[in-house]
Amino acid sequence: MVVSMTGYGQSEMENEEGRIVTEIKSVNHRFLDIQFRFPRELSILENECRKYISKKMKRGKIDVHITIEGFSPSLKKARIDWALLQHFLDHAEELEKLNIFDSRLDLQSFLFHPDIVVIEENVNLKDEWKEAIMESVYRATADLLEMKVEEGKQLQNDLETRVERLKRWISSMEKEAPLVAQQYRERLRERIQQLLQDQYEVDEQRLLTEVAIFSDKINIEEELTRLRSHSDQFLHVLHQKEPKGRKLDFLLQEMNREINTIASKANHIPLSHLAVDVKSELEKMKEQVQNIE
């Protein structure tokens, strides 16, 4: 099945202390690029989240946003350097004996000293918080995948319809192609007769030679065969299970190359019109394929 690269998933989990909200957005990208936005204290979970999402998605720019509302799972903690504090107190007692200072040290003098009391990030989250946050990521990812699959179905239906339209145009070009040389022969005969003014007979052998040379120059049978083959292969890849966006993009490049060659060779108004229609349709297909994982 086809999976889109664009989508949105959300999960909300609540308990007695508050709520965890996880949002995951995905947009087009050549490769898999996962970016996280959550409190720095939760960075210890980034690697686990990245591994899980990487198993579920192969391409796309993924933004993961986790917010914690109503509570704080011990995100910060205070650390006291007891040895340094004792060192300060020992010196304070010595200085006090000198009787040269009017003010005395109090508790706040030590509590707000940046070297004695250090505020640190608490990276040791409790297991229940880890489980809750990861469960929120799992649910948001599942919600995102559901949207990606649903949009992928629509992309697949649209592309299948467009490929069938392409194949009908290819059939029309296959019918028109043999008429090009025939019409050229008739026009060439008329011009020669106008120039000769019916005074001389047309050299049929020379006429056939000119027509054969022209037919070889404007022959598009090989291009049409490859274009039809690429169209069939496009449908085949579209139904494969593995990620297919890059394969489809490559096939469209090849199809564009063939139709450009056909357009350059086409010395025939109906063929030129059909070539323009095909090129326009391939551009629309390319825009759709850019959304496929």
Protein backbone atom coordinates (compact mmCIF):
# COMPACT_ATOMS: atom_id res chain seq x y z
CA MET A 1 0.00 0.00 0.00
CA VAL A 2 0.99 3.61 -0.52
CA VAL A 3 1.89 5.63 2.59
CA SER A 4 1.94 9.42 2.52
CA MET A 5 4.80 11.37 4.08
CA THR A 6 2.46 14.04 5.45
CA GLY A 7 0.32 13.61 8.52
CA TYR A 8 -0.38 14.56 12.11
CA GLY A 9 -0.77 12.51 15.27
CA GLN A 10 -1.62 13.46 18.83
CA SER A 11 -1.91 11.72 22.17
CA GLU A 12 -3.04 12.98 25.57
CA MET A 13 -2.50 11.07 28.79
CA GLU A 14 -3.73 12.20 32.21
CA ASN A 15 -3.23 11.07 35.77
CA GLU A 16 -3.80 12.55 39.21
CA GLU A 17 -0.87 14.96 38.87
CA GLY A 18 -1.35 16.33 35.37
CA ARG A 19 -1.26 15.64 31.65
CA ILE A 20 1.24 14.59 28.96
CA VAL A 21 0.56 15.84 25.42
CA THR A 22 2.52 14.44 22.49
CA GLU A 23 2.19 15.87 18.96
CA ILE A 24 3.95 14.40 15.93
CA LYS A 25 3.93 16.12 12.54
CA SER A 26 5.36 14.74 9.31
CA VAL A 27 6.08 16.53 6.02
CA ASN A 28 7.94 15.72 2.81
CA HIS A 29 11.68 15.11 2.93
CA ARG A 30 14.17 13.14 0.86
CA PHE A 31 15.37 11.24 3.91
CA LEU A 32 14.22 10.53 7.46
CA ASP A 33 14.84 13.56 9.67
CA ILE A 34 13.46 13.42 13.24
CA GLN A 35 13.50 16.55 15.40
CA PHE A 36 12.42 16.70 19.06
CA ARG A 37 11.01 19.53 21.11
CA PHE A 38 10.48 18.73 24.76
CA PRO A 39 11.81 19.77 28.18
CA ARG A 40 15.56 19.28 28.40
CA GLU A 41 15.03 17.00 31.35
CA LEU A 42 13.36 14.46 29.06
CA SER A 43 16.33 14.23 26.69
CA ILE A 44 17.26 10.85 28.16
CA LEU A 45 14.24 9.45 26.28
CA GLU A 46 15.22 10.91 22.90
CA ASN A 47 17.24 7.92 21.72
CA GLU A 48 14.47 5.45 22.58
CA CYS A 49 11.86 7.63 20.87
CA ARG A 50 14.06 8.00 17.78
CA LYS A 51 14.59 4.26 17.45
CA TYR A 52 10.87 3.56 17.74
CA ILE A 53 9.83 6.17 15.17
CA SER A 54 12.59 5.04 12.78
CA LYS A 55 11.07 1.56 12.75
CA LYS A 56 7.68 2.95 11.77
CA MET A 57 8.68 5.53 9.14
CA LYS A 58 11.35 5.52 6.43
CA ARG A 59 11.17 9.03 4.94
CA GLY A 60 9.94 12.45 5.95
CA LYS A 61 10.73 15.34 8.26
CA ILE A 62 9.25 14.37 11.63
CA ASP A 63 8.69 16.91 14.41
CA VAL A 64 7.98 15.46 17.87
CA HIS A 65 6.65 17.88 20.48
CA ILE A 66 6.07 16.69 24.07
CA THR A 67 4.63 18.97 26.73
CA ILE A 68 3.95 18.24 30.39
CA GLU A 69 1.09 20.21 31.91
CA GLY A 70 0.04 20.53 35.54
CA PHE A 71 2.97 18.75 37.15
CA SER A 72 6.70 18.41 37.12
CA PRO A 73 8.19 14.93 37.59
CA SER A 74 11.08 16.13 39.79
CA LEU A 75 12.77 17.86 36.87
CA LYS A 76 15.29 19.70 39.10
CA LYS A 77 17.10 18.95 42.33
CA ALA A 78 19.44 20.75 44.71
CA ARG A 79 22.92 19.46 45.53
CA ILE A 80 24.89 20.77 48.54
CA ASP A 81 28.65 20.62 48.59
CA TRP A 82 29.00 19.70 52.29
CA ALA A 83 32.78 19.67 52.27
CA LEU A 84 32.93 23.20 50.87
CA LEU A 85 30.29 24.36 53.37
CA GLN A 86 32.31 22.99 56.29
CA HIS A 87 35.38 24.70 54.91
CA PHE A 88 33.50 28.02 54.83
CA LEU A 89 32.27 27.55 58.42
CA ASP A 90 35.75 26.80 59.73
CA HIS A 91 37.10 29.98 58.22
CA ALA A 92 34.04 31.93 59.42
CA GLU A 93 34.79 30.94 63.01
CA GLU A 94 38.39 32.08 62.66
CA LEU A 95 37.31 35.39 61.15
CA GLU A 96 34.74 35.93 63.92
CA LYS A 97 37.47 35.74 66.57
CA LEU A 98 39.19 38.74 64.99
CA ASN A 99 36.24 40.99 65.88
CA ILE A 100 36.76 43.08 62.78
CA PHE A 101 33.39 42.37 61.09
CA ASP A 102 30.06 43.89 62.16
CA SER A 103 27.73 41.40 60.36
CA ARG A 104 27.41 37.72 61.01
CA LEU A 105 26.87 34.89 58.53
CA ASP A 106 23.34 33.52 58.36
CA LEU A 107 21.63 30.62 56.57
CA GLN A 108 20.78 32.61 53.43
CA SER A 109 24.44 33.45 52.95
CA PHE A 110 25.06 29.78 52.25
CA LEU A 111 21.77 28.84 50.53
CA PHE A 112 22.33 31.41 47.77
CA HIS A 113 26.01 30.76 47.35
CA PRO A 114 26.32 29.26 43.80
CA ASP A 115 29.28 27.03 44.72
CA ILE A 116 27.71 25.53 47.84
CA VAL A 117 24.12 24.93 46.70
CA VAL A 118 23.97 23.81 43.05
CA ILE A 119 20.67 23.33 41.19
CA GLU A 120 20.94 20.35 38.82
CA GLU A 121 18.69 18.78 36.22
CA ASN A 122 17.23 15.53 37.44
CA VAL A 123 17.91 13.01 34.69
CA ASN A 124 16.74 10.06 36.76
CA LEU A 125 13.06 10.02 35.86
CA LYS A 126 10.92 7.57 37.68
CA ASP A 127 9.95 4.47 35.72
CA GLU A 128 6.27 5.39 35.79
CA TRP A 129 7.04 8.72 34.09
CA LYS A 130 9.20 7.06 31.47
CA GLU A 131 6.47 4.54 30.72
CA ALA A 132 3.80 7.23 30.54
CA ILE A 133 5.81 9.43 28.20
CA MET A 134 6.77 6.55 25.90
CA GLU A 135 3.17 5.32 25.83
CA SER A 136 2.15 8.80 24.76
CA VAL A 137 4.72 8.66 21.93
CA TYR A 138 3.45 5.23 20.85
CA ARG A 139 -0.14 6.44 20.66
CA ALA A 140 0.73 9.64 18.81
CA THR A 141 2.80 7.65 16.31
CA ALA A 142 -0.07 5.24 15.72
CA ASP A 143 -2.41 8.19 15.16
CA LEU A 144 0.05 9.71 12.69
CA LEU A 145 0.46 6.43 10.79
CA GLU A 146 -3.30 6.05 10.50
CA MET A 147 -3.53 9.45 8.81
CA LYS A 148 -0.54 8.70 6.56
CA VAL A 149 -2.11 5.43 5.40
CA GLU A 150 -5.49 7.05 4.76
CA GLU A 151 -3.92 9.82 2.70
CA GLY A 152 -1.80 7.20 0.93
CA LYS A 153 -4.95 5.42 -0.28
CA GLN A 154 -6.15 8.63 -1.89
CA LEU A 155 -2.75 9.19 -3.51
CA GLN A 156 -2.75 5.65 -4.88
CA ASN A 157 -6.23 6.00 -6.38
CA ASP A 158 -5.30 9.30 -7.97
CA LEU A 159 -2.05 7.97 -9.45
CA GLU A 160 -3.72 4.84 -10.80
CA THR A 161 -6.29 7.00 -12.57
CA ARG A 162 -3.56 9.19 -14.05
CA VAL A 163 -1.50 6.24 -15.27
CA GLU A 164 -4.53 4.76 -17.03
CA ARG A 165 -5.07 8.13 -18.70
CA LEU A 166 -1.42 8.12 -19.79
CA LYS A 167 -1.78 4.67 -21.30
CA ARG A 168 -4.80 5.81 -23.34
CA TRP A 169 -2.75 8.71 -24.70
CA ILE A 170 0.11 6.34 -25.50
CA SER A 171 -2.34 4.17 -27.47
CA SER A 172 -3.45 7.24 -29.39
CA MET A 173 0.17 8.13 -30.20
CA GLU A 174 0.81 4.58 -31.39
CA LYS A 175 -2.08 4.99 -33.84
CA GLU A 176 -0.95 8.40 -35.02
CA ALA A 177 2.75 7.58 -35.43
CA PRO A 178 2.44 5.56 -38.71
CA LEU A 179 0.43 8.38 -40.31
CA VAL A 180 3.29 10.85 -40.00
CA ALA A 181 5.42 9.29 -42.77
CA GLN A 182 2.37 8.76 -45.00
CA GLN A 183 1.32 12.40 -44.72
CA TYR A 184 4.88 13.54 -45.30
CA ARG A 185 5.03 11.47 -48.50
CA GLU A 186 1.80 13.03 -49.79
CA ARG A 187 2.93 16.58 -48.97
CA LEU A 188 6.33 15.97 -50.56
CA ARG A 189 4.71 14.62 -53.74
CA GLU A 190 2.43 17.66 -53.96
CA ARG A 191 5.35 20.06 -53.56
CA ILE A 192 7.42 18.31 -56.22
CA GLN A 193 4.51 18.31 -58.64
CA GLN A 194 3.93 22.01 -58.03
CA LEU A 195 7.59 22.71 -58.73
CA LEU A 196 7.67 20.56 -61.86
CA GLN A 197 4.29 21.95 -63.01
CA ASP A 198 3.36 18.54 -64.42
CA GLN A 199 6.15 18.80 -67.01
CA TYR A 200 8.07 15.87 -65.57
CA GLU A 201 7.08 12.72 -63.77
CA VAL A 202 7.92 12.30 -60.12
CA ASP A 203 10.84 9.96 -59.48
CA GLU A 204 9.11 7.44 -57.23
CA GLN A 205 12.34 5.78 -56.16
CA ARG A 206 13.85 9.08 -55.03
CA LEU A 207 10.58 9.97 -53.33
CA LEU A 208 10.59 6.69 -51.40
CA THR A 209 14.19 7.25 -50.38
CA GLU A 210 13.40 10.70 -48.99
CA VAL A 211 10.36 9.36 -47.16
CA ALA A 212 12.42 6.48 -45.69
CA ILE A 213 15.08 8.90 -44.40
CA PHE A 214 12.42 11.13 -42.87
CA SER A 215 10.61 8.14 -41.34
CA ASP A 216 13.80 7.00 -39.65
CA LYS A 217 14.35 10.46 -38.13
CA ILE A 218 10.85 10.75 -36.70
CA ASN A 219 10.43 7.12 -35.64
CA ILE A 220 9.14 7.03 -32.06
CA GLU A 221 8.29 3.34 -31.73
CA GLU A 222 11.12 2.66 -29.27
CA GLU A 223 10.21 5.66 -27.14
CA LEU A 224 6.54 4.65 -27.07
CA THR A 225 7.46 1.09 -26.13
CA ARG A 226 9.61 2.29 -23.22
CA LEU A 227 6.97 4.80 -22.16
CA ARG A 228 4.34 2.07 -22.01
CA SER A 229 6.74 -0.24 -20.16
CA HIS A 230 7.51 2.46 -17.58
CA SER A 231 3.78 3.04 -17.11
CA ASP A 232 3.19 -0.65 -16.42
CA GLN A 233 6.15 -0.75 -14.06
CA PHE A 234 4.85 2.35 -12.28
CA LEU A 235 1.61 0.53 -11.47
CA HIS A 236 3.55 -2.54 -10.35
CA VAL A 237 5.73 -0.53 -7.95
CA LEU A 238 2.67 1.31 -6.70
CA HIS A 239 1.34 -1.98 -5.29
CA GLN A 240 4.57 -3.16 -3.65
CA LYS A 241 4.75 -3.32 0.14
CA GLU A 242 8.09 -1.64 0.78
CA PRO A 243 8.63 2.15 0.62
CA LYS A 244 8.29 3.17 -3.01
CA GLY A 245 8.54 6.96 -3.27
CA ARG A 246 12.07 7.02 -4.69
CA LYS A 247 11.36 4.28 -7.23
CA LEU A 248 8.28 6.09 -8.47
CA ASP A 249 10.20 9.34 -8.71
CA PHE A 250 12.91 7.63 -10.79
CA LEU A 251 10.32 6.11 -13.13
CA LEU A 252 8.73 9.51 -13.67
CA GLN A 253 12.13 10.92 -14.62
CA GLU A 254 12.51 8.17 -17.22
CA MET A 255 8.99 8.76 -18.54
CA ASN A 256 9.72 12.47 -18.85
CA ARG A 257 12.87 11.68 -20.81
CA GLU A 258 10.92 9.52 -23.27
CA ILE A 259 8.10 12.01 -23.82
CA ASN A 260 10.61 14.84 -24.35
CA THR A 261 12.26 12.79 -27.08
CA ILE A 262 8.87 12.06 -28.64
CA ALA A 263 7.96 15.75 -28.54
CA SER A 264 11.23 16.71 -30.26
CA LYS A 265 10.68 14.14 -33.03
CA ALA A 266 6.96 14.75 -33.51
CA ASN A 267 6.46 16.50 -36.85
CA HIS A 268 2.74 16.02 -36.55
CA ILE A 269 0.21 18.29 -34.86
CA PRO A 270 -1.92 15.55 -33.21
CA LEU A 271 1.24 13.90 -31.83
CA SER A 272 2.51 17.24 -30.51
CA HIS A 273 -0.79 17.86 -28.73
CA LEU A 274 -0.70 14.40 -27.17
CA ALA A 275 2.90 14.90 -26.07
CA VAL A 276 1.94 18.15 -24.32
CA ASP A 277 -0.93 16.36 -22.54
CA VAL A 278 1.40 13.60 -21.36
CA LYS A 279 4.05 16.05 -20.12
CA SER A 280 1.41 18.00 -18.20
CA GLU A 281 0.07 14.82 -16.59
CA LEU A 282 3.56 13.66 -15.62
CA GLU A 283 4.16 16.96 -13.84
CA LYS A 284 0.98 16.45 -11.80
CA MET A 285 2.05 12.90 -10.98
CA LYS A 286 5.46 14.14 -9.85
CA GLU A 287 3.80 16.50 -7.37
CA GLN A 288 1.81 13.60 -5.95
CA VAL A 289 4.77 11.23 -5.77
CA GLN A 290 6.67 13.82 -3.70
CA ASN A 291 4.20 13.00 -0.90
CA ILE A 292 4.84 9.24 -0.95
CA GLU A 293 7.13 7.61 1.62
